[in-house]
C-alpha atoms as a PDB file:
ATOM      1  CA  UNK A   1      -1.983  -8.912  23.505  1.00  0.00           C
ATOM      2  CA  UNK A   2      -4.939  -7.697  21.460  1.00  0.00           C
ATOM      3  CA  UNK A   3      -5.452  -4.051  22.345  1.00  0.00           C
ATOM      4  CA  UNK A   4      -8.022  -3.652  19.582  1.00  0.00           C
ATOM      5  CA  UNK A   5     -10.831  -5.378  21.461  1.00  0.00           C
ATOM      6  CA  UNK A   6     -12.331  -2.118  22.719  1.00  0.00           C
ATOM      7  CA  UNK A   7      -9.724   0.505  21.875  1.00  0.00           C
ATOM      8  CA  UNK A   8     -11.013   1.047  18.341  1.00  0.00           C
ATOM      9  CA  UNK A   9     -14.695   0.360  19.035  1.00  0.00           C
ATOM     10  CA  UNK A  10     -17.010   3.297  18.342  1.00  0.00           C
ATOM     11  CA  UNK A  11     -20.566   3.210  19.685  1.00  0.00           C
ATOM     12  CA  UNK A  12     -23.257   5.129  17.809  1.00  0.00           C
ATOM     13  CA  UNK A  13     -26.022   4.183  20.277  1.00  0.00           C
ATOM     14  CA  UNK A  14     -26.333   7.676  21.797  1.00  0.00           C
ATOM     15  CA  UNK A  15     -27.057  10.348  19.173  1.00  0.00           C
ATOM     16  CA  UNK A  16     -24.457  13.105  19.066  1.00  0.00           C
ATOM     17  CA  UNK A  17     -25.667  16.686  19.475  1.00  0.00           C
ATOM     18  CA  UNK A  18     -22.648  18.082  17.679  1.00  0.00           C
ATOM     19  CA  UNK A  19     -19.271  17.085  16.305  1.00  0.00           C
ATOM     20  CA  UNK A  20     -17.125  14.851  18.488  1.00  0.00           C
ATOM     21  CA  UNK A  21     -13.350  14.524  18.138  1.00  0.00           C
ATOM     22  CA  UNK A  22     -11.330  11.403  18.900  1.00  0.00           C
ATOM     23  CA  UNK A  23      -7.572  10.908  18.739  1.00  0.00           C
ATOM     24  CA  UNK A  24      -5.714   7.652  18.131  1.00  0.00           C
ATOM     25  CA  UNK A  25      -2.056   6.716  17.947  1.00  0.00           C
ATOM     26  CA  UNK A  26      -0.953   3.717  15.900  1.00  0.00           C
ATOM     27  CA  UNK A  27       2.434   2.180  16.681  1.00  0.00           C
ATOM     28  CA  UNK A  28       4.315  -0.973  15.703  1.00  0.00           C
ATOM     29  CA  UNK A  29       2.018  -3.112  17.877  1.00  0.00           C
ATOM     30  CA  UNK A  30      -1.099  -1.900  16.048  1.00  0.00           C
ATOM     31  CA  UNK A  31       0.402  -2.693  12.647  1.00  0.00           C
ATOM     32  CA  UNK A  32       1.641  -6.143  13.705  1.00  0.00           C
ATOM     33  CA  UNK A  33      -1.833  -6.991  15.085  1.00  0.00           C
ATOM     34  CA  UNK A  34      -3.298  -6.497  11.609  1.00  0.00           C
ATOM     35  CA  UNK A  35      -1.604  -9.677  10.350  1.00  0.00           C
ATOM     36  CA  UNK A  36      -0.628  -8.055   7.055  1.00  0.00           C
ATOM     37  CA  UNK A  37       2.982  -7.837   5.926  1.00  0.00           C
ATOM     38  CA  UNK A  38       2.535  -4.783   3.707  1.00  0.00           C
ATOM     39  CA  UNK A  39       3.059  -2.388   6.633  1.00  0.00           C
ATOM     40  CA  UNK A  40       5.781  -3.562   9.020  1.00  0.00           C
ATOM     41  CA  UNK A  41       5.297  -0.871  11.651  1.00  0.00           C
ATOM     42  CA  UNK A  42       4.798   2.795  12.130  1.00  0.00           C
ATOM     43  CA  UNK A  43       4.123   5.845  14.192  1.00  0.00           C
ATOM     44  CA  UNK A  44       0.897   7.467  12.963  1.00  0.00           C
ATOM     45  CA  UNK A  45      -1.569   9.802  14.658  1.00  0.00           C
ATOM     46  CA  UNK A  46      -5.222   9.953  13.653  1.00  0.00           C
ATOM     47  CA  UNK A  47      -7.546  12.825  14.409  1.00  0.00           C
ATOM     48  CA  UNK A  48     -11.096  11.603  13.844  1.00  0.00           C
ATOM     49  CA  UNK A  49     -14.072  13.918  13.817  1.00  0.00           C
ATOM     50  CA  UNK A  50     -17.564  12.442  13.954  1.00  0.00           C
ATOM     51  CA  UNK A  51     -20.271  14.780  12.683  1.00  0.00           C
ATOM     52  CA  UNK A  52     -23.958  13.880  12.943  1.00  0.00           C
ATOM     53  CA  UNK A  53     -25.747  14.553   9.657  1.00  0.00           C
ATOM     54  CA  UNK A  54     -29.146  13.240  10.803  1.00  0.00           C
ATOM     55  CA  UNK A  55     -30.516  11.148  13.659  1.00  0.00           C
ATOM     56  CA  UNK A  56     -29.258   7.979  11.955  1.00  0.00           C
ATOM     57  CA  UNK A  57     -26.330   9.172   9.852  1.00  0.00           C
ATOM     58  CA  UNK A  58     -22.782  10.362  10.629  1.00  0.00           C
ATOM     59  CA  UNK A  59     -19.886  11.713   8.650  1.00  0.00           C
ATOM     60  CA  UNK A  60     -16.465  10.523   9.862  1.00  0.00           C
ATOM     61  CA  UNK A  61     -13.511  12.723   8.889  1.00  0.00           C
ATOM     62  CA  UNK A  62     -10.055  11.164   9.204  1.00  0.00           C
ATOM     63  CA  UNK A  63      -6.734  13.017   9.264  1.00  0.00           C
ATOM     64  CA  UNK A  64      -3.635  10.797   9.445  1.00  0.00           C
ATOM     65  CA  UNK A  65      -0.136  12.092  10.035  1.00  0.00           C
ATOM     66  CA  UNK A  66       3.112  10.223  10.688  1.00  0.00           C
ATOM     67  CA  UNK A  67       5.184   7.520   9.022  1.00  0.00           C
ATOM     68  CA  UNK A  68       4.986   3.792   8.381  1.00  0.00           C
ATOM     69  CA  UNK A  69       7.665   1.237   7.614  1.00  0.00           C
ATOM     70  CA  UNK A  70       7.150  -0.923   4.532  1.00  0.00           C
ATOM     71  CA  UNK A  71       9.425  -3.352   2.681  1.00  0.00           C
ATOM     72  CA  UNK A  72      11.225  -1.826  -0.302  1.00  0.00           C
ATOM     73  CA  UNK A  73       9.898  -3.382  -3.519  1.00  0.00           C
ATOM     74  CA  UNK A  74      13.429  -3.571  -4.905  1.00  0.00           C
ATOM     75  CA  UNK A  75      15.508  -4.907  -2.001  1.00  0.00           C
ATOM     76  CA  UNK A  76      12.928  -5.810   0.715  1.00  0.00           C
ATOM     77  CA  UNK A  77      14.822  -3.714   3.295  1.00  0.00           C
ATOM     78  CA  UNK A  78      12.656  -1.577   5.588  1.00  0.00           C
ATOM     79  CA  UNK A  79      11.676   1.770   4.097  1.00  0.00           C
ATOM     80  CA  UNK A  80      10.000   4.643   5.913  1.00  0.00           C
ATOM     81  CA  UNK A  81       7.095   6.301   4.072  1.00  0.00           C
ATOM     82  CA  UNK A  82       5.436   9.502   5.254  1.00  0.00           C
ATOM     83  CA  UNK A  83       1.680   9.457   5.851  1.00  0.00           C
ATOM     84  CA  UNK A  84      -0.322  12.679   5.634  1.00  0.00           C
ATOM     85  CA  UNK A  85      -3.806  12.068   4.322  1.00  0.00           C
ATOM     86  CA  UNK A  86      -7.452  12.904   4.813  1.00  0.00           C
ATOM     87  CA  UNK A  87     -10.418  10.608   4.240  1.00  0.00           C
ATOM     88  CA  UNK A  88     -14.074  10.444   5.030  1.00  0.00           C
ATOM     89  CA  UNK A  89     -16.686   7.745   5.521  1.00  0.00           C
ATOM     90  CA  UNK A  90     -20.431   7.973   6.041  1.00  0.00           C
ATOM     91  CA  UNK A  91     -21.934   5.754   8.729  1.00  0.00           C
ATOM     92  CA  UNK A  92     -25.664   5.050   8.702  1.00  0.00           C
ATOM     93  CA  UNK A  93     -27.791   3.123  11.154  1.00  0.00           C
ATOM     94  CA  UNK A  94     -30.039   0.627   9.405  1.00  0.00           C
ATOM     95  CA  UNK A  95     -31.572  -2.805   9.590  1.00  0.00           C
ATOM     96  CA  UNK A  96     -28.340  -4.832   9.777  1.00  0.00           C
ATOM     97  CA  UNK A  97     -24.576  -4.540   9.358  1.00  0.00           C
ATOM     98  CA  UNK A  98     -23.796  -4.127   5.675  1.00  0.00           C
ATOM     99  CA  UNK A  99     -20.143  -3.728   4.731  1.00  0.00           C
ATOM    100  CA  UNK A 100     -20.828  -4.131   0.997  1.00  0.00           C
ATOM    101  CA  UNK A 101     -22.370  -0.699   0.481  1.00  0.00           C
ATOM    102  CA  UNK A 102     -20.011   1.585  -1.489  1.00  0.00           C
ATOM    103  CA  UNK A 103     -21.751   4.751  -0.341  1.00  0.00           C
ATOM    104  CA  UNK A 104     -21.739   4.216   3.431  1.00  0.00           C
ATOM    105  CA  UNK A 105     -20.991   1.795   6.236  1.00  0.00           C
ATOM    106  CA  UNK A 106     -24.427   0.571   7.352  1.00  0.00           C
ATOM    107  CA  UNK A 107     -24.526  -0.510  11.007  1.00  0.00           C
ATOM    108  CA  UNK A 108     -27.322  -2.442  12.689  1.00  0.00           C
ATOM    109  CA  UNK A 109     -29.348   0.167  14.626  1.00  0.00           C
ATOM    110  CA  UNK A 110     -30.021  -2.454  17.327  1.00  0.00           C
ATOM    111  CA  UNK A 111     -26.262  -2.819  17.951  1.00  0.00           C
ATOM    112  CA  UNK A 112     -24.498   0.231  16.482  1.00  0.00           C
ATOM    113  CA  UNK A 113     -21.044  -0.574  17.897  1.00  0.00           C
ATOM    114  CA  UNK A 114     -18.285  -1.165  15.390  1.00  0.00           C
ATOM    115  CA  UNK A 115     -14.558  -1.987  15.646  1.00  0.00           C
ATOM    116  CA  UNK A 116     -12.889   0.477  13.260  1.00  0.00           C
ATOM    117  CA  UNK A 117      -9.359  -0.997  13.530  1.00  0.00           C
ATOM    118  CA  UNK A 118      -9.588  -2.609  10.079  1.00  0.00           C
ATOM    119  CA  UNK A 119     -10.873   0.613   8.488  1.00  0.00           C
ATOM    120  CA  UNK A 120      -8.192   2.670  10.256  1.00  0.00           C
ATOM    121  CA  UNK A 121      -5.527   0.312   8.890  1.00  0.00           C
ATOM    122  CA  UNK A 122      -6.937   0.117   5.362  1.00  0.00           C
ATOM    123  CA  UNK A 123      -7.202   3.900   5.015  1.00  0.00           C
ATOM    124  CA  UNK A 124      -3.526   4.202   5.904  1.00  0.00           C
ATOM    125  CA  UNK A 125      -2.633   1.400   3.504  1.00  0.00           C
ATOM    126  CA  UNK A 126      -4.491   2.859   0.513  1.00  0.00           C
ATOM    127  CA  UNK A 127      -2.895   6.271   1.100  1.00  0.00           C
ATOM    128  CA  UNK A 128       0.576   4.833   0.420  1.00  0.00           C
ATOM    129  CA  UNK A 129       2.187   5.093  -3.018  1.00  0.00           C
ATOM    130  CA  UNK A 130       1.794   2.017  -5.211  1.00  0.00           C
ATOM    131  CA  UNK A 131       5.554   1.552  -5.544  1.00  0.00           C
ATOM    132  CA  UNK A 132       7.585   1.432  -2.331  1.00  0.00           C
ATOM    133  CA  UNK A 133      11.255   1.758  -3.135  1.00  0.00           C
ATOM    134  CA  UNK A 134      14.244   3.745  -2.004  1.00  0.00           C
ATOM    135  CA  UNK A 135      14.654   6.867  -4.137  1.00  0.00           C
ATOM    136  CA  UNK A 136      18.213   5.934  -5.083  1.00  0.00           C
ATOM    137  CA  UNK A 137      19.423   2.379  -5.638  1.00  0.00           C
ATOM    138  CA  UNK A 138      22.431   3.191  -3.438  1.00  0.00           C
ATOM    139  CA  UNK A 139      20.031   3.339  -0.460  1.00  0.00           C
ATOM    140  CA  UNK A 140      18.973  -0.282  -1.040  1.00  0.00           C
ATOM    141  CA  UNK A 141      20.514  -3.319   0.644  1.00  0.00           C
ATOM    142  CA  UNK A 142      23.900  -3.698  -1.126  1.00  0.00           C
ATOM    143  CA  UNK A 143      23.867  -7.506  -1.089  1.00  0.00           C
ATOM    144  CA  UNK A 144      20.463  -7.604  -2.798  1.00  0.00           C
ATOM    145  CA  UNK A 145      21.475  -4.948  -5.329  1.00  0.00           C
ATOM    146  CA  UNK A 146      24.640  -6.927  -6.123  1.00  0.00           C
ATOM    147  CA  UNK A 147      22.578 -10.070  -6.650  1.00  0.00           C
ATOM    148  CA  UNK A 148      20.110  -8.210  -8.871  1.00  0.00           C
ATOM    149  CA  UNK A 149      22.909  -6.728 -10.972  1.00  0.00           C
ATOM    150  CA  UNK A 150      24.451 -10.169 -11.492  1.00  0.00           C
ATOM    151  CA  UNK A 151      21.154 -11.762 -12.443  1.00  0.00           C
ATOM    152  CA  UNK A 152      20.321  -8.890 -14.827  1.00  0.00           C
ATOM    153  CA  UNK A 153      23.644  -9.118 -16.682  1.00  0.00           C
ATOM    154  CA  UNK A 154      23.101 -10.561 -20.136  1.00  0.00           C
ATOM    155  CA  UNK A 155      24.750 -13.898 -20.655  1.00  0.00           C
ATOM    156  CA  UNK A 156      27.111 -14.378 -23.584  1.00  0.00           C
ATOM    157  CA  UNK A 157      25.128 -16.280 -26.150  1.00  0.00           C
ATOM    158  CA  UNK A 158      26.840 -18.244 -28.874  1.00  0.00           C
ATOM    159  CA  UNK A 159      26.380 -16.757 -32.299  1.00  0.00           C
ATOM    160  CA  UNK A 160      23.799 -18.400 -34.487  1.00  0.00           C
ATOM    161  CA  UNK A 161      25.748 -20.619 -36.968  1.00  0.00           C
ATOM    162  CA  UNK A 162      23.569 -19.380 -39.827  1.00  0.00           C
ATOM    163  CA  UNK A 163      25.300 -15.971 -39.611  1.00  0.00           C
ATOM    164  CA  UNK A 164      28.721 -17.554 -40.244  1.00  0.00           C
ATOM    165  CA  UNK A 165      27.294 -19.513 -43.142  1.00  0.00           C
ATOM    166  CA  UNK A 166      25.751 -16.329 -44.594  1.00  0.00           C
ATOM    167  CA  UNK A 167      29.017 -14.382 -44.228  1.00  0.00           C
ATOM    168  CA  UNK A 168      30.898 -17.163 -45.985  1.00  0.00           C
ATOM    169  CA  UNK A 169      28.407 -17.221 -48.841  1.00  0.00           C
ATOM    170  CA  UNK A 170      28.602 -13.419 -49.298  1.00  0.00           C
ATOM    171  CA  UNK A 171      32.398 -13.560 -49.230  1.00  0.00           C
ATOM    172  CA  UNK A 172      32.453 -16.264 -51.920  1.00  0.00           C
ATOM    173  CA  UNK A 173      30.110 -14.215 -54.123  1.00  0.00           C
ATOM    174  CA  UNK A 174      32.356 -11.168 -53.733  1.00  0.00           C
ATOM    175  CA  UNK A 175      35.398 -13.223 -54.807  1.00  0.00           C
ATOM    176  CA  UNK A 176      33.708 -14.567 -57.934  1.00  0.00           C
ATOM    177  CA  UNK A 177      32.392 -11.253 -59.199  1.00  0.00           C
ATOM    178  CA  UNK A 178      34.753  -9.185 -61.275  1.00  0.00           C
ATOM    179  CA  UNK A 179      35.727  -5.934 -59.674  1.00  0.00           C
ATOM    180  CA  UNK A 180      34.589  -2.738 -61.341  1.00  0.00           C
ATOM    181  CA  UNK A 181      37.070   0.028 -61.770  1.00  0.00           C
END
């Protein structure tokens, strides 16, 4: 079931007279619908405030709070990561949809509706720490940790035969030199 079809659609057709607040809740279904395996699930609330800055421009203020589940980078077991972040985006009405603008999201003024589900997801994703791992290795999946410890153990390497040859040569030189008293 794709709940995103209209649930995350925001329409900028009617100009706002003042700030408008919207609330969203993202659960496991939302995260699985994104088709990305970086976030496995979650329970995150978003408070979104839309502020008109002109007749064709809006400031969107995002406040996320909750937790998401991600795979641990070390053992791949699920790991819960807290989310508490604020972001903002400027939306402008222009000639056509332009998602390449770094300054603002430009929407076509003739059809100023936009599905924000991807933006909602990406803002959560970029708020996460770069490394996702359990704080202590003991919290990781023991079978994976055991495997990693075995594969990290240095193998016994045979000694280079040149060392034995060098030791022998030094020993012979020591035996031929007279000892000083």
